[in-house]
Amino acid sequence: MTGKLYRQYAEGRAGKSPLAADCARAWAVGGFICTVGEGLRRLYLTLVHDPDEAGLLVSVSFIVLTALLTGLGVFDKIARHAGGGTLVPITGFANSIASAAMDSKSEGFITGVGVKIFTVAGPVVLYGTAAGMIWGFILWLWGRF
């Protein structure tokens, strides 16, 4: 099957996506997630009185909540409805790691869960570290001139 024939086949099988509705749902759900994050940050600020610590607690809360909802099968239903709105970086990343762990738990904790988690987290850590090093080098050069 050629690329052109496959494209015609795929377009015939796939329905038209309601772009405006999809964007509105993604915006609303992503905004809701961010609003919950801001609410948690303000709550944590009253408890710890340190903005950096409150931000860390929000991140940890989102990671734990997303992993829990993924394990219960709820996060995927939300993501199916909201689309890109659930890809707020920390929730999308936590979901992808938790999903990889769940999919591979039958292979054991070391060769299954441990390995599969790093198939997702590894590239993020690698390229995040590399980007940080490059940006740090650019800032260092900028300060020298």
C-alpha atoms as a PDB file:
ATOM      1  CA  MET A   1       0.000   0.000   0.000  1.00  0.00           C
ATOM      2  CA  THR A   2       1.463   3.364  -0.982  1.00  0.00           C
ATOM      3  CA  GLY A   3       1.518   6.391   1.264  1.00  0.00           C
ATOM      4  CA  LYS A   4      -1.215   8.048  -0.780  1.00  0.00           C
ATOM      5  CA  LEU A   5      -3.521   5.029  -0.599  1.00  0.00           C
ATOM      6  CA  TYR A   6      -2.920   4.667   3.132  1.00  0.00           C
ATOM      7  CA  ARG A   7      -3.673   8.358   3.700  1.00  0.00           C
ATOM      8  CA  GLN A   8      -6.954   7.998   1.773  1.00  0.00           C
ATOM      9  CA  TYR A   9      -7.811   4.880   3.778  1.00  0.00           C
ATOM     10  CA  ALA A  10      -7.012   6.570   7.107  1.00  0.00           C
ATOM     11  CA  GLU A  11      -8.968   9.713   6.242  1.00  0.00           C
ATOM     12  CA  GLY A  12     -11.963   7.584   5.249  1.00  0.00           C
ATOM     13  CA  ARG A  13     -11.888   5.662   8.559  1.00  0.00           C
ATOM     14  CA  ALA A  14     -11.221   8.588  10.889  1.00  0.00           C
ATOM     15  CA  GLY A  15     -13.980  10.993  11.743  1.00  0.00           C
ATOM     16  CA  LYS A  16     -13.592  14.732  11.591  1.00  0.00           C
ATOM     17  CA  SER A  17     -12.216  16.113  14.824  1.00  0.00           C
ATOM     18  CA  PRO A  18     -14.215  18.990  16.331  1.00  0.00           C
ATOM     19  CA  LEU A  19     -11.184  21.234  16.715  1.00  0.00           C
ATOM     20  CA  ALA A  20     -12.858  24.135  18.540  1.00  0.00           C
ATOM     21  CA  ALA A  21     -14.537  21.836  21.087  1.00  0.00           C
ATOM     22  CA  ASP A  22     -11.322  19.849  21.600  1.00  0.00           C
ATOM     23  CA  CYS A  23      -9.347  23.048  22.202  1.00  0.00           C
ATOM     24  CA  ALA A  24     -11.987  24.401  24.594  1.00  0.00           C
ATOM     25  CA  ARG A  25     -11.977  21.176  26.643  1.00  0.00           C
ATOM     26  CA  ALA A  26      -8.181  21.083  26.739  1.00  0.00           C
ATOM     27  CA  TRP A  27      -8.061  24.717  27.828  1.00  0.00           C
ATOM     28  CA  ALA A  28     -10.722  24.231  30.519  1.00  0.00           C
ATOM     29  CA  VAL A  29      -9.185  21.074  31.997  1.00  0.00           C
ATOM     30  CA  GLY A  30      -5.624  22.416  31.810  1.00  0.00           C
ATOM     31  CA  GLY A  31      -6.811  25.627  33.449  1.00  0.00           C
ATOM     32  CA  PHE A  32      -8.604  23.641  36.150  1.00  0.00           C
ATOM     33  CA  ILE A  33      -5.442  21.649  36.887  1.00  0.00           C
ATOM     34  CA  CYS A  34      -3.442  24.868  37.155  1.00  0.00           C
ATOM     35  CA  THR A  35      -6.113  26.438  39.379  1.00  0.00           C
ATOM     36  CA  VAL A  36      -5.971  23.427  41.702  1.00  0.00           C
ATOM     37  CA  GLY A  37      -2.187  23.820  41.749  1.00  0.00           C
ATOM     38  CA  GLU A  38      -2.474  27.473  42.722  1.00  0.00           C
ATOM     39  CA  GLY A  39      -4.975  26.581  45.440  1.00  0.00           C
ATOM     40  CA  LEU A  40      -2.603  23.941  46.799  1.00  0.00           C
ATOM     41  CA  ARG A  41       0.289  26.424  46.674  1.00  0.00           C
ATOM     42  CA  ARG A  42      -1.656  28.951  48.733  1.00  0.00           C
ATOM     43  CA  LEU A  43      -2.690  26.246  51.210  1.00  0.00           C
ATOM     44  CA  TYR A  44       0.895  25.047  51.560  1.00  0.00           C
ATOM     45  CA  LEU A  45       2.130  28.625  51.958  1.00  0.00           C
ATOM     46  CA  THR A  46      -0.054  28.986  55.046  1.00  0.00           C
ATOM     47  CA  LEU A  47       1.484  25.799  56.436  1.00  0.00           C
ATOM     48  CA  VAL A  48       5.192  26.186  55.585  1.00  0.00           C
ATOM     49  CA  HIS A  49       5.589  29.961  54.885  1.00  0.00           C
ATOM     50  CA  ASP A  50       8.310  29.306  52.277  1.00  0.00           C
ATOM     51  CA  PRO A  51       7.378  29.779  48.577  1.00  0.00           C
ATOM     52  CA  ASP A  52      10.016  27.311  47.334  1.00  0.00           C
ATOM     53  CA  GLU A  53       8.885  24.626  49.774  1.00  0.00           C
ATOM     54  CA  ALA A  54       5.224  25.253  48.922  1.00  0.00           C
ATOM     55  CA  GLY A  55       6.007  24.868  45.210  1.00  0.00           C
ATOM     56  CA  LEU A  56       7.825  21.610  45.896  1.00  0.00           C
ATOM     57  CA  LEU A  57       4.835  20.310  47.867  1.00  0.00           C
ATOM     58  CA  VAL A  58       2.495  21.188  44.984  1.00  0.00           C
ATOM     59  CA  SER A  59       4.697  19.259  42.559  1.00  0.00           C
ATOM     60  CA  VAL A  60       4.841  16.243  44.841  1.00  0.00           C
ATOM     61  CA  SER A  61       1.074  16.404  45.391  1.00  0.00           C
ATOM     62  CA  PHE A  62       0.405  16.411  41.638  1.00  0.00           C
ATOM     63  CA  ILE A  63       2.789  13.521  41.056  1.00  0.00           C
ATOM     64  CA  VAL A  64       1.186  11.407  43.792  1.00  0.00           C
ATOM     65  CA  LEU A  65      -2.364  12.305  42.767  1.00  0.00           C
ATOM     66  CA  THR A  66      -1.701  11.621  39.082  1.00  0.00           C
ATOM     67  CA  ALA A  67      -0.029   8.284  39.822  1.00  0.00           C
ATOM     68  CA  LEU A  68      -2.955   7.315  42.056  1.00  0.00           C
ATOM     69  CA  LEU A  69      -5.552   8.316  39.454  1.00  0.00           C
ATOM     70  CA  THR A  70      -3.583   6.465  36.771  1.00  0.00           C
ATOM     71  CA  GLY A  71      -3.487   3.335  38.913  1.00  0.00           C
ATOM     72  CA  LEU A  72      -7.239   3.541  39.465  1.00  0.00           C
ATOM     73  CA  GLY A  73      -7.855   4.009  35.736  1.00  0.00           C
ATOM     74  CA  VAL A  74      -9.403   7.452  36.236  1.00  0.00           C
ATOM     75  CA  PHE A  75      -6.661   9.599  34.692  1.00  0.00           C
ATOM     76  CA  ASP A  76      -6.992   7.927  31.286  1.00  0.00           C
ATOM     77  CA  LYS A  77     -10.722   8.707  31.242  1.00  0.00           C
ATOM     78  CA  ILE A  78     -10.019  12.335  32.094  1.00  0.00           C
ATOM     79  CA  ALA A  79      -7.294  12.476  29.421  1.00  0.00           C
ATOM     80  CA  ARG A  80      -9.603  10.936  26.818  1.00  0.00           C
ATOM     81  CA  HIS A  81     -12.145  13.695  27.505  1.00  0.00           C
ATOM     82  CA  ALA A  82      -9.695  16.573  27.982  1.00  0.00           C
ATOM     83  CA  GLY A  83      -7.042  15.697  25.418  1.00  0.00           C
ATOM     84  CA  GLY A  84      -4.003  17.929  25.656  1.00  0.00           C
ATOM     85  CA  GLY A  85      -5.333  19.672  28.753  1.00  0.00           C
ATOM     86  CA  THR A  86      -3.931  16.899  30.927  1.00  0.00           C
ATOM     87  CA  LEU A  87      -0.461  17.358  29.477  1.00  0.00           C
ATOM     88  CA  VAL A  88       0.374  20.048  31.992  1.00  0.00           C
ATOM     89  CA  PRO A  89       3.997  18.937  32.264  1.00  0.00           C
ATOM     90  CA  ILE A  90       4.067  17.342  35.679  1.00  0.00           C
ATOM     91  CA  THR A  91       0.760  15.479  35.380  1.00  0.00           C
ATOM     92  CA  GLY A  92       1.513  14.191  31.880  1.00  0.00           C
ATOM     93  CA  PHE A  93       4.963  13.012  32.942  1.00  0.00           C
ATOM     94  CA  ALA A  94       3.678  11.336  36.114  1.00  0.00           C
ATOM     95  CA  ASN A  95       0.949   9.597  34.099  1.00  0.00           C
ATOM     96  CA  SER A  96       3.394   8.276  31.525  1.00  0.00           C
ATOM     97  CA  ILE A  97       5.685   6.865  34.208  1.00  0.00           C
ATOM     98  CA  ALA A  98       2.837   5.313  36.218  1.00  0.00           C
ATOM     99  CA  SER A  99       1.335   3.803  33.054  1.00  0.00           C
ATOM    100  CA  ALA A 100       4.675   2.265  32.074  1.00  0.00           C
ATOM    101  CA  ALA A 101       5.030   0.790  35.564  1.00  0.00           C
ATOM    102  CA  MET A 102       1.522  -0.684  35.494  1.00  0.00           C
ATOM    103  CA  ASP A 103       1.960  -2.167  32.027  1.00  0.00           C
ATOM    104  CA  SER A 104       5.141  -3.981  33.016  1.00  0.00           C
ATOM    105  CA  LYS A 105       4.398  -5.126  36.571  1.00  0.00           C
ATOM    106  CA  SER A 106       3.858  -8.728  35.431  1.00  0.00           C
ATOM    107  CA  GLU A 107       7.527  -8.846  34.371  1.00  0.00           C
ATOM    108  CA  GLY A 108       8.693  -8.215  37.946  1.00  0.00           C
ATOM    109  CA  PHE A 109       9.842  -5.189  39.863  1.00  0.00           C
ATOM    110  CA  ILE A 110      13.413  -5.069  38.578  1.00  0.00           C
ATOM    111  CA  THR A 111      13.290  -6.225  34.962  1.00  0.00           C
ATOM    112  CA  GLY A 112       9.742  -5.006  34.408  1.00  0.00           C
ATOM    113  CA  VAL A 113       8.770  -1.932  36.415  1.00  0.00           C
ATOM    114  CA  GLY A 114      12.310  -0.650  37.041  1.00  0.00           C
ATOM    115  CA  VAL A 115      13.351  -0.912  33.413  1.00  0.00           C
ATOM    116  CA  LYS A 116      10.116   0.352  31.835  1.00  0.00           C
ATOM    117  CA  ILE A 117       9.917   3.417  34.066  1.00  0.00           C
ATOM    118  CA  PHE A 118      13.320   4.523  32.814  1.00  0.00           C
ATOM    119  CA  THR A 119      12.308   4.074  29.172  1.00  0.00           C
ATOM    120  CA  VAL A 120      10.083   7.109  29.780  1.00  0.00           C
ATOM    121  CA  ALA A 121      12.005   8.949  32.496  1.00  0.00           C
ATOM    122  CA  GLY A 122      15.473   8.340  31.067  1.00  0.00           C
ATOM    123  CA  PRO A 123      15.183  10.550  27.984  1.00  0.00           C
ATOM    124  CA  VAL A 124      13.516  13.293  30.026  1.00  0.00           C
ATOM    125  CA  VAL A 125      16.315  13.254  32.584  1.00  0.00           C
ATOM    126  CA  LEU A 126      18.990  13.053  29.878  1.00  0.00           C
ATOM    127  CA  TYR A 127      17.689  15.865  27.692  1.00  0.00           C
ATOM    128  CA  GLY A 128      16.595  17.972  30.664  1.00  0.00           C
ATOM    129  CA  THR A 129      20.104  17.767  32.088  1.00  0.00           C
ATOM    130  CA  ALA A 130      21.683  18.452  28.696  1.00  0.00           C
ATOM    131  CA  ALA A 131      19.415  21.468  28.117  1.00  0.00           C
ATOM    132  CA  GLY A 132      20.268  22.786  31.589  1.00  0.00           C
ATOM    133  CA  MET A 133      23.979  22.420  30.913  1.00  0.00           C
ATOM    134  CA  ILE A 134      23.716  24.168  27.547  1.00  0.00           C
ATOM    135  CA  TRP A 135      21.645  26.998  29.020  1.00  0.00           C
ATOM    136  CA  GLY A 136      24.093  27.329  31.929  1.00  0.00           C
ATOM    137  CA  PHE A 137      26.989  27.520  29.481  1.00  0.00           C
ATOM    138  CA  ILE A 138      25.182  30.212  27.459  1.00  0.00           C
ATOM    139  CA  LEU A 139      24.534  32.240  30.622  1.00  0.00           C
ATOM    140  CA  TRP A 140      28.150  31.783  31.687  1.00  0.00           C
ATOM    141  CA  LEU A 141      29.348  33.032  28.296  1.00  0.00           C
ATOM    142  CA  TRP A 142      26.895  35.920  28.412  1.00  0.00           C
ATOM    143  CA  GLY A 143      28.330  37.024  31.776  1.00  0.00           C
ATOM    144  CA  ARG A 144      31.890  36.957  30.429  1.00  0.00           C
ATOM    145  CA  PHE A 145      31.218  39.532  27.678  1.00  0.00           C
END
